[in-house]
C-alpha atoms as a PDB file:
ATOM      1  CA  MET A   1       8.199  -6.464 -28.148  1.00  0.00           C
ATOM      2  CA  THR A   2       7.999  -7.814 -25.415  1.00  0.00           C
ATOM      3  CA  TRP A   3       4.473  -9.632 -25.064  1.00  0.00           C
ATOM      4  CA  LEU A   4       4.523  -9.791 -21.325  1.00  0.00           C
ATOM      5  CA  ALA A   5       6.976  -9.114 -18.308  1.00  0.00           C
ATOM      6  CA  LEU A   6       6.340  -9.416 -14.786  1.00  0.00           C
ATOM      7  CA  ALA A   7       8.111  -6.244 -12.537  1.00  0.00           C
ATOM      8  CA  TYR A   8       8.059  -6.655  -8.493  1.00  0.00           C
ATOM      9  CA  LEU A   9       8.674  -4.545  -5.284  1.00  0.00           C
ATOM     10  CA  LEU A  10      10.540  -5.657  -1.974  1.00  0.00           C
ATOM     11  CA  SER A  11       9.785  -2.381   0.302  1.00  0.00           C
ATOM     12  CA  VAL A  12      11.291  -2.260   4.494  1.00  0.00           C
ATOM     13  CA  GLY A  13      11.459   0.540   6.637  1.00  0.00           C
ATOM     14  CA  THR A  14      10.850   2.409  10.106  1.00  0.00           C
ATOM     15  CA  LEU A  15       9.157   4.915  11.542  1.00  0.00           C
ATOM     16  CA  ASN A  16       7.654   6.755  14.150  1.00  0.00           C
ATOM     17  CA  TYR A  17       3.403   5.253  12.827  1.00  0.00           C
ATOM     18  CA  ASN A  18       0.625   7.661  14.245  1.00  0.00           C
ATOM     19  CA  GLU A  19      -2.689   6.306  13.887  1.00  0.00           C
ATOM     20  CA  GLY A  20      -6.033   8.310  13.811  1.00  0.00           C
ATOM     21  CA  ALA A  21      -9.279   7.995  14.521  1.00  0.00           C
ATOM     22  CA  ALA A  22     -11.908   9.962  15.065  1.00  0.00           C
ATOM     23  CA  SER A  23     -14.743   8.503  17.469  1.00  0.00           C
ATOM     24  CA  ASN A  24     -18.727   9.504  17.550  1.00  0.00           C
ATOM     25  CA  ALA A  25     -17.197  12.575  18.750  1.00  0.00           C
ATOM     26  CA  TYR A  26     -15.028  14.134  16.362  1.00  0.00           C
ATOM     27  CA  SER A  27     -12.135  13.569  18.875  1.00  0.00           C
ATOM     28  CA  PRO A  28      -9.106  12.586  17.850  1.00  0.00           C
ATOM     29  CA  ILE A  29      -7.199   8.991  19.047  1.00  0.00           C
ATOM     30  CA  THR A  30      -4.319   8.215  18.141  1.00  0.00           C
ATOM     31  CA  GLN A  31      -1.575   5.791  19.283  1.00  0.00           C
ATOM     32  CA  SER A  32       2.030   4.998  19.043  1.00  0.00           C
ATOM     33  CA  PRO A  33       2.907   2.433  18.782  1.00  0.00           C
ATOM     34  CA  SER A  34       6.700   1.280  19.917  1.00  0.00           C
ATOM     35  CA  ASN A  35       9.183  -0.607  17.367  1.00  0.00           C
ATOM     36  CA  THR A  36       6.649  -0.347  14.090  1.00  0.00           C
ATOM     37  CA  TYR A  37       8.378  -1.566  11.007  1.00  0.00           C
ATOM     38  CA  GLN A  38       7.079  -2.205   7.552  1.00  0.00           C
ATOM     39  CA  THR A  39       6.097  -4.231   4.853  1.00  0.00           C
ATOM     40  CA  THR A  40       5.829  -3.797   0.924  1.00  0.00           C
ATOM     41  CA  LEU A  41       5.330  -7.133  -1.739  1.00  0.00           C
ATOM     42  CA  GLY A  42       4.094  -6.158  -4.913  1.00  0.00           C
ATOM     43  CA  ILE A  43       3.803  -7.094  -7.935  1.00  0.00           C
ATOM     44  CA  GLU A  44       2.036  -6.628 -11.358  1.00  0.00           C
ATOM     45  CA  ALA A  45       2.682  -7.981 -15.047  1.00  0.00           C
ATOM     46  CA  GLN A  46       3.146  -5.260 -18.298  1.00  0.00           C
ATOM     47  CA  MET A  47       1.725  -6.783 -21.175  1.00  0.00           C
ATOM     48  CA  LEU A  48       2.199  -5.411 -24.680  1.00  0.00           C
ATOM     49  CA  ASP A  49       5.090  -3.195 -24.232  1.00  0.00           C
ATOM     50  CA  ASN A  50       3.798  -2.418 -20.632  1.00  0.00           C
ATOM     51  CA  HIS A  51       0.800  -1.008 -23.092  1.00  0.00           C
ATOM     52  CA  ILE A  52      -2.043  -2.893 -20.572  1.00  0.00           C
ATOM     53  CA  PHE A  53      -0.622  -3.764 -16.566  1.00  0.00           C
ATOM     54  CA  ILE A  54      -1.716  -5.548 -13.516  1.00  0.00           C
ATOM     55  CA  GLY A  55      -1.039  -5.624 -10.646  1.00  0.00           C
ATOM     56  CA  GLY A  56      -1.031  -5.640  -6.493  1.00  0.00           C
ATOM     57  CA  SER A  57       0.533  -4.659  -3.909  1.00  0.00           C
ATOM     58  CA  VAL A  58       0.210  -4.906   0.624  1.00  0.00           C
ATOM     59  CA  GLU A  59       1.951  -2.577   3.319  1.00  0.00           C
ATOM     60  CA  THR A  60       1.940  -4.401   6.308  1.00  0.00           C
ATOM     61  CA  TRP A  61       2.918  -2.902   9.425  1.00  0.00           C
ATOM     62  CA  GLU A  62       3.887  -4.043  12.336  1.00  0.00           C
ATOM     63  CA  SER A  63       5.534  -4.063  15.794  1.00  0.00           C
ATOM     64  CA  SER A  64       8.207  -6.353  17.807  1.00  0.00           C
ATOM     65  CA  LEU A  65       6.681  -8.402  21.013  1.00  0.00           C
ATOM     66  CA  ASN A  66       8.195  -8.426  24.192  1.00  0.00           C
ATOM     67  CA  ASN A  67       9.287 -11.962  23.368  1.00  0.00           C
ATOM     68  CA  GLY A  68      10.742 -10.777  20.040  1.00  0.00           C
ATOM     69  CA  LEU A  69       8.402 -11.973  17.291  1.00  0.00           C
ATOM     70  CA  PHE A  70       6.726  -9.867  15.279  1.00  0.00           C
ATOM     71  CA  ALA A  71       2.980  -8.855  15.093  1.00  0.00           C
ATOM     72  CA  PRO A  72       1.999  -7.381  12.389  1.00  0.00           C
ATOM     73  CA  TRP A  73      -1.569  -5.148  13.087  1.00  0.00           C
ATOM     74  CA  GLU A  74      -3.289  -3.248   9.957  1.00  0.00           C
ATOM     75  CA  SER A  75      -2.089  -4.329   6.039  1.00  0.00           C
ATOM     76  CA  LEU A  76      -3.130  -1.993   3.708  1.00  0.00           C
ATOM     77  CA  TYR A  77      -4.269  -3.768  -0.002  1.00  0.00           C
ATOM     78  CA  ILE A  78      -3.227  -1.824  -3.303  1.00  0.00           C
ATOM     79  CA  ILE A  79      -4.858  -3.804  -7.105  1.00  0.00           C
ATOM     80  CA  ASN A  80      -5.055  -1.816 -10.004  1.00  0.00           C
ATOM     81  CA  ALA A  81      -5.121  -2.216 -13.862  1.00  0.00           C
ATOM     82  CA  GLY A  82      -5.519   0.219 -16.573  1.00  0.00           C
ATOM     83  CA  ILE A  83      -3.841   0.828 -19.899  1.00  0.00           C
ATOM     84  CA  ARG A  84       0.278   3.100 -20.568  1.00  0.00           C
ATOM     85  CA  PHE A  85       0.809   4.479 -23.482  1.00  0.00           C
ATOM     86  CA  SER A  86       4.332   6.794 -23.192  1.00  0.00           C
ATOM     87  CA  ASN A  87       3.354   8.962 -21.351  1.00  0.00           C
ATOM     88  CA  ILE A  88      -0.438   9.256 -20.000  1.00  0.00           C
ATOM     89  CA  GLU A  89      -1.505   6.097 -18.126  1.00  0.00           C
ATOM     90  CA  LEU A  90      -5.212   5.657 -17.678  1.00  0.00           C
ATOM     91  CA  GLY A  91      -6.526   2.934 -14.876  1.00  0.00           C
ATOM     92  CA  TYR A  92      -8.628   1.396 -11.554  1.00  0.00           C
ATOM     93  CA  ARG A  93      -6.553   1.394  -8.511  1.00  0.00           C
ATOM     94  CA  HIS A  94      -9.157  -0.199  -5.544  1.00  0.00           C
ATOM     95  CA  GLU A  95      -7.360   0.929  -2.390  1.00  0.00           C
ATOM     96  CA  CYS A  96      -8.666  -0.914   0.881  1.00  0.00           C
ATOM     97  CA  ASP A  97      -6.718  -0.985   5.137  1.00  0.00           C
ATOM     98  CA  HIS A  98      -7.983  -3.774   7.179  1.00  0.00           C
ATOM     99  CA  ALA A  99      -6.321  -4.175  10.860  1.00  0.00           C
ATOM    100  CA  THR A 100      -4.968  -7.703  11.282  1.00  0.00           C
ATOM    101  CA  ILE A 101      -5.216  -9.679  13.347  1.00  0.00           C
ATOM    102  CA  THR A 102      -2.567 -11.512  15.705  1.00  0.00           C
ATOM    103  CA  GLY A 103      -4.504 -12.202  18.934  1.00  0.00           C
ATOM    104  CA  GLU A 104      -3.235  -9.086  20.385  1.00  0.00           C
ATOM    105  CA  THR A 105      -5.627  -6.513  21.858  1.00  0.00           C
ATOM    106  CA  PRO A 106      -6.025  -3.974  20.731  1.00  0.00           C
ATOM    107  CA  ILE A 107      -6.297  -4.541  17.700  1.00  0.00           C
ATOM    108  CA  TYR A 108      -4.636  -1.326  15.229  1.00  0.00           C
ATOM    109  CA  GLY A 109      -5.745   0.376  12.376  1.00  0.00           C
ATOM    110  CA  PHE A 110      -8.438   1.102  10.354  1.00  0.00           C
ATOM    111  CA  LEU A 111     -10.393  -0.631   8.207  1.00  0.00           C
ATOM    112  CA  GLU A 112     -11.831   1.755   4.956  1.00  0.00           C
ATOM    113  CA  ASN A 113     -11.891   1.750   1.530  1.00  0.00           C
ATOM    114  CA  LYS A 114     -12.038   3.043  -2.279  1.00  0.00           C
ATOM    115  CA  ASP A 115     -12.124   3.175  -5.201  1.00  0.00           C
ATOM    116  CA  GLU A 116     -10.684   5.776  -8.179  1.00  0.00           C
ATOM    117  CA  ILE A 117     -10.230   5.326 -12.244  1.00  0.00           C
ATOM    118  CA  TYR A 118      -7.885   7.722 -12.440  1.00  0.00           C
ATOM    119  CA  PHE A 119      -5.419   9.136 -15.768  1.00  0.00           C
ATOM    120  CA  THR A 120      -2.194  10.914 -14.989  1.00  0.00           C
ATOM    121  CA  TYR A 121       0.182  12.601 -17.286  1.00  0.00           C
ATOM    122  CA  LYS A 122       3.445  11.753 -17.002  1.00  0.00           C
ATOM    123  CA  HIS A 123       7.638  14.131 -18.120  1.00  0.00           C
ATOM    124  CA  VAL A 124      10.764  14.066 -17.010  1.00  0.00           C
ATOM    125  CA  ALA A 125      12.037  17.613 -17.579  1.00  0.00           C
ATOM    126  CA  LYS A 126      16.026  17.545 -17.696  1.00  0.00           C
ATOM    127  CA  ILE A 127      17.514  20.094 -15.852  1.00  0.00           C
ATOM    128  CA  PHE A 128      21.126  19.559 -16.367  1.00  0.00           C
END
């Protein structure tokens, strides 16, 4: 039996990023910052053979400035905890998206959050 394990992840990538928002008149505003990159860091503590877990991650979007330095401008934070048994997971998740102040204008990003209690059933069907 494993009493405590620590899982972690690191992810980097790039792709076209389209950011959108709605004004009071419900007209969409879309911006596509150039040279956009993302970095995700996450960690999870797993206890009692991964039956109890608590973890979190932060995904940050950044653009490269003309001087070659990176300017982060939006971060998505996720905190979760719960229990797992076999193929079933019951948990709580909080997600919040924040603009990151970099001294550049305009400040991109949203300010929003959500909380959820979730139930997940996972199963793998072997085809071959």
